[in-house]
């Protein structure tokens, strides 16, 4: 293998790692922000609609306090896996921070976005952690469609407000 090919592979691996959350394997906040900006450009240029779903694990502090941080990490990973397995190839789910996630859902209208959000809520509630089946996990979420003149923060602010926090 040539040195330049090895360097190129290593650079690609480092770039991939720069955009991943190390615990969950989901895209990280930085990648979510890049995706939001790209989707906003598509909306403004081509009129391609998209939505944002803000997702928060309910009572996460209580899970950590009652079951320990290792169990909390397992909950974060289970929710991440459930969310990731419920998206289309062109949608992005990212860990926004702590116990918060953001889904950027492309090519969607209002009723579809609400149905998508509710489907994700139900899937998480039906999921379990094999080593800790006694932990019941639920999520709260808020969703909004992006608007033609939104900035990157606008749909995030609306989806967070719709979440109720």
Foldseek 3Di string as FASTA:
>chain_A
DDPVVVVVVVVVVVVQVVQADVLQRFGAQVVVLVVLVVVLVCCQPPVWKKKKKKKAKPPLVVCCVVPNVVVSSLLLNQLSVLLVVLADPPKGWYAHDDRMIMIIGTRDDDVRQVVSVVVSQVSSQPDARVVCRVDGIGMFMFMDMDDNPDDSCVNVVRGVVRSPD
